[in-house]
Amino acid sequence: MGLGLRKISQRKVKRANEYSHIDWLKLYKKYCDNTVAINIDKDQRQLELRRLFKLPLSKLVFKLKNRSPF
């Protein structure tokens, strides 16, 4: 297909809310082919650790900003 990212769009560190290739493989394994072997690297482990802390905090901040007054 020739799809790709422009050089300016590529990041050294993935955002916590972006899917990585390994995330896609996990979904593929779950829904399509449970025999797929997935090697989780150091970068993926760091991303998952950031998600563990960042996403609940982001959710809390959103709730606090958007709560309705009594």
N, C-alpha and C. Protein backbone atom coordinates (compact mmCIF):
# COMPACT_ATOMS: atom_id res chain seq x y z
N MET A 1 0.81 -1.19 0.00
CA MET A 1 0.00 0.00 0.00
C MET A 1 0.85 1.26 0.00
N GLY A 2 2.05 1.18 0.54
CA GLY A 2 2.91 2.35 0.56
C GLY A 2 2.61 3.34 1.67
N LEU A 3 1.93 2.89 2.72
CA LEU A 3 1.62 3.79 3.82
C LEU A 3 2.85 4.00 4.70
N GLY A 4 2.95 5.16 5.28
CA GLY A 4 4.05 5.44 6.18
C GLY A 4 3.87 6.79 6.83
N LEU A 5 4.79 7.12 7.70
CA LEU A 5 4.74 8.40 8.38
C LEU A 5 5.78 9.35 7.78
N ARG A 6 5.43 10.62 7.77
CA ARG A 6 6.42 11.60 7.39
C ARG A 6 7.46 11.67 8.50
N LYS A 7 8.65 12.02 8.16
CA LYS A 7 9.73 12.09 9.15
C LYS A 7 9.35 12.99 10.33
N ILE A 8 8.68 14.08 10.05
CA ILE A 8 8.31 15.02 11.11
C ILE A 8 7.27 14.42 12.08
N SER A 9 6.50 13.42 11.61
CA SER A 9 5.46 12.81 12.44
C SER A 9 5.98 11.69 13.33
N GLN A 10 7.19 11.24 13.09
CA GLN A 10 7.73 10.13 13.87
C GLN A 10 8.27 10.64 15.20
N ARG A 11 7.91 9.93 16.26
CA ARG A 11 8.36 10.30 17.60
C ARG A 11 9.34 9.26 18.11
N LYS A 12 10.23 9.70 18.98
CA LYS A 12 11.15 8.75 19.60
C LYS A 12 10.42 7.95 20.67
N VAL A 13 9.46 8.59 21.34
CA VAL A 13 8.70 7.94 22.40
C VAL A 13 7.22 8.00 22.03
N LYS A 14 6.55 6.86 22.09
CA LYS A 14 5.12 6.82 21.78
C LYS A 14 4.32 7.46 22.89
N ARG A 15 3.22 8.11 22.51
CA ARG A 15 2.30 8.63 23.51
C ARG A 15 1.58 7.46 24.16
N ALA A 16 1.13 7.68 25.39
CA ALA A 16 0.47 6.60 26.14
C ALA A 16 -0.83 6.17 25.49
N ASN A 17 -1.48 7.06 24.74
CA ASN A 17 -2.77 6.72 24.16
C ASN A 17 -2.68 6.26 22.70
N GLU A 18 -1.48 6.03 22.19
CA GLU A 18 -1.30 5.54 20.84
C GLU A 18 -1.06 4.04 20.84
N TYR A 19 -1.55 3.37 19.80
CA TYR A 19 -1.29 1.95 19.66
C TYR A 19 0.09 1.73 19.07
N SER A 20 0.79 0.77 19.61
CA SER A 20 2.07 0.36 19.04
C SER A 20 1.83 -0.87 18.17
N HIS A 21 2.85 -1.27 17.47
CA HIS A 21 2.75 -2.48 16.64
C HIS A 21 2.46 -3.69 17.53
N ILE A 22 3.07 -3.73 18.69
CA ILE A 22 2.86 -4.85 19.61
C ILE A 22 1.42 -4.85 20.13
N ASP A 23 0.85 -3.68 20.38
CA ASP A 23 -0.56 -3.60 20.77
C ASP A 23 -1.44 -4.21 19.68
N TRP A 24 -1.14 -3.86 18.44
CA TRP A 24 -1.90 -4.41 17.31
C TRP A 24 -1.74 -5.93 17.25
N LEU A 25 -0.52 -6.42 17.48
CA LEU A 25 -0.29 -7.87 17.46
C LEU A 25 -1.09 -8.57 18.57
N LYS A 26 -1.17 -7.95 19.74
CA LYS A 26 -1.94 -8.54 20.84
C LYS A 26 -3.41 -8.65 20.46
N LEU A 27 -3.95 -7.61 19.82
CA LEU A 27 -5.34 -7.67 19.37
C LEU A 27 -5.52 -8.73 18.29
N TYR A 28 -4.58 -8.80 17.37
CA TYR A 28 -4.63 -9.81 16.30
C TYR A 28 -4.62 -11.21 16.90
N LYS A 29 -3.75 -11.41 17.88
CA LYS A 29 -3.66 -12.71 18.54
C LYS A 29 -4.97 -13.05 19.26
N LYS A 30 -5.56 -12.07 19.93
CA LYS A 30 -6.79 -12.30 20.68
C LYS A 30 -7.97 -12.64 19.77
N TYR A 31 -8.10 -11.91 18.65
CA TYR A 31 -9.29 -12.05 17.82
C TYR A 31 -9.11 -12.87 16.55
N CYS A 32 -7.88 -13.08 16.11
CA CYS A 32 -7.69 -13.74 14.82
C CYS A 32 -6.88 -15.03 14.88
N ASP A 33 -5.75 -15.00 15.55
CA ASP A 33 -4.84 -16.16 15.51
C ASP A 33 -4.09 -16.24 16.83
N ASN A 34 -4.56 -17.12 17.71
CA ASN A 34 -3.94 -17.20 19.04
C ASN A 34 -2.59 -17.91 19.05
N THR A 35 -2.08 -18.30 17.89
CA THR A 35 -0.77 -18.95 17.83
C THR A 35 0.36 -17.97 17.53
N VAL A 36 0.03 -16.71 17.30
CA VAL A 36 1.05 -15.70 16.98
C VAL A 36 1.95 -15.49 18.19
N ALA A 37 3.26 -15.54 17.95
CA ALA A 37 4.23 -15.28 19.01
C ALA A 37 4.52 -13.78 19.06
N ILE A 38 4.51 -13.23 20.27
CA ILE A 38 4.75 -11.79 20.43
C ILE A 38 5.95 -11.61 21.36
N ASN A 39 6.95 -10.90 20.87
CA ASN A 39 8.12 -10.58 21.69
C ASN A 39 7.98 -9.15 22.18
N ILE A 40 7.81 -8.99 23.48
CA ILE A 40 7.64 -7.66 24.06
C ILE A 40 9.01 -7.11 24.41
N ASP A 41 9.34 -5.97 23.83
CA ASP A 41 10.65 -5.37 24.04
C ASP A 41 10.62 -4.33 25.17
N LYS A 42 11.78 -3.77 25.43
CA LYS A 42 11.91 -2.80 26.52
C LYS A 42 11.04 -1.57 26.29
N ASP A 43 10.98 -1.09 25.05
CA ASP A 43 10.17 0.09 24.75
C ASP A 43 8.69 -0.16 25.02
N GLN A 44 8.21 -1.35 24.68
CA GLN A 44 6.80 -1.68 24.93
C GLN A 44 6.52 -1.76 26.42
N ARG A 45 7.45 -2.32 27.17
CA ARG A 45 7.27 -2.39 28.64
C ARG A 45 7.21 -0.99 29.25
N GLN A 46 8.06 -0.09 28.77
CA GLN A 46 8.04 1.29 29.27
C GLN A 46 6.72 1.98 28.90
N LEU A 47 6.24 1.74 27.69
CA LEU A 47 4.96 2.31 27.26
C LEU A 47 3.82 1.81 28.14
N GLU A 48 3.80 0.51 28.42
CA GLU A 48 2.75 -0.05 29.27
C GLU A 48 2.82 0.49 30.69
N LEU A 49 4.02 0.71 31.18
CA LEU A 49 4.19 1.29 32.52
C LEU A 49 3.69 2.74 32.56
N ARG A 50 4.00 3.52 31.52
CA ARG A 50 3.49 4.90 31.44
C ARG A 50 1.97 4.90 31.39
N ARG A 51 1.39 3.97 30.63
CA ARG A 51 -0.07 3.88 30.54
C ARG A 51 -0.68 3.58 31.90
N LEU A 52 -0.03 2.74 32.66
CA LEU A 52 -0.52 2.35 33.97
C LEU A 52 -0.72 3.56 34.88
N PHE A 53 0.15 4.55 34.76
CA PHE A 53 0.07 5.73 35.60
C PHE A 53 -0.62 6.91 34.92
N LYS A 54 -0.31 7.14 33.66
CA LYS A 54 -0.78 8.34 32.98
C LYS A 54 -2.27 8.31 32.68
N LEU A 55 -2.79 7.22 32.20
CA LEU A 55 -4.19 7.18 31.78
C LEU A 55 -5.16 7.39 32.94
N PRO A 56 -4.98 6.75 34.10
CA PRO A 56 -5.90 7.05 35.22
C PRO A 56 -5.80 8.51 35.68
N LEU A 57 -4.60 9.08 35.65
CA LEU A 57 -4.45 10.48 36.03
C LEU A 57 -5.15 11.39 35.02
N SER A 58 -5.03 11.09 33.75
CA SER A 58 -5.70 11.88 32.72
C SER A 58 -7.21 11.82 32.89
N LYS A 59 -7.71 10.64 33.21
CA LYS A 59 -9.15 10.47 33.42
C LYS A 59 -9.62 11.31 34.61
N LEU A 60 -8.85 11.30 35.69
CA LEU A 60 -9.20 12.08 36.87
C LEU A 60 -9.21 13.58 36.56
N VAL A 61 -8.20 14.06 35.86
CA VAL A 61 -8.13 15.48 35.50
C VAL A 61 -9.33 15.84 34.63
N PHE A 62 -9.68 15.00 33.67
CA PHE A 62 -10.83 15.26 32.82
C PHE A 62 -12.12 15.37 33.64
N LYS A 63 -12.30 14.43 34.57
CA LYS A 63 -13.51 14.46 35.41
C LYS A 63 -13.56 15.73 36.26
N LEU A 64 -12.43 16.14 36.80
CA LEU A 64 -12.40 17.34 37.62
C LEU A 64 -12.69 18.59 36.80
N LYS A 65 -12.17 18.65 35.60
CA LYS A 65 -12.40 19.82 34.74
C LYS A 65 -13.83 19.89 34.23
N ASN A 66 -14.46 18.75 34.04
CA ASN A 66 -15.77 18.71 33.41
C ASN A 66 -16.92 18.35 34.35
N ARG A 67 -16.68 18.46 35.63
CA ARG A 67 -17.77 18.16 36.55
C ARG A 67 -18.80 19.28 36.53
N SER A 68 -20.00 18.90 36.74
CA SER A 68 -21.07 19.91 36.71
C SER A 68 -21.27 20.49 38.11
N PRO A 69 -21.49 21.78 38.19
CA PRO A 69 -21.72 22.41 39.51
C PRO A 69 -23.09 22.01 40.05
N PHE A 70 -23.18 21.99 41.35
CA PHE A 70 -24.44 21.57 41.99
C PHE A 70 -25.46 22.64 41.91
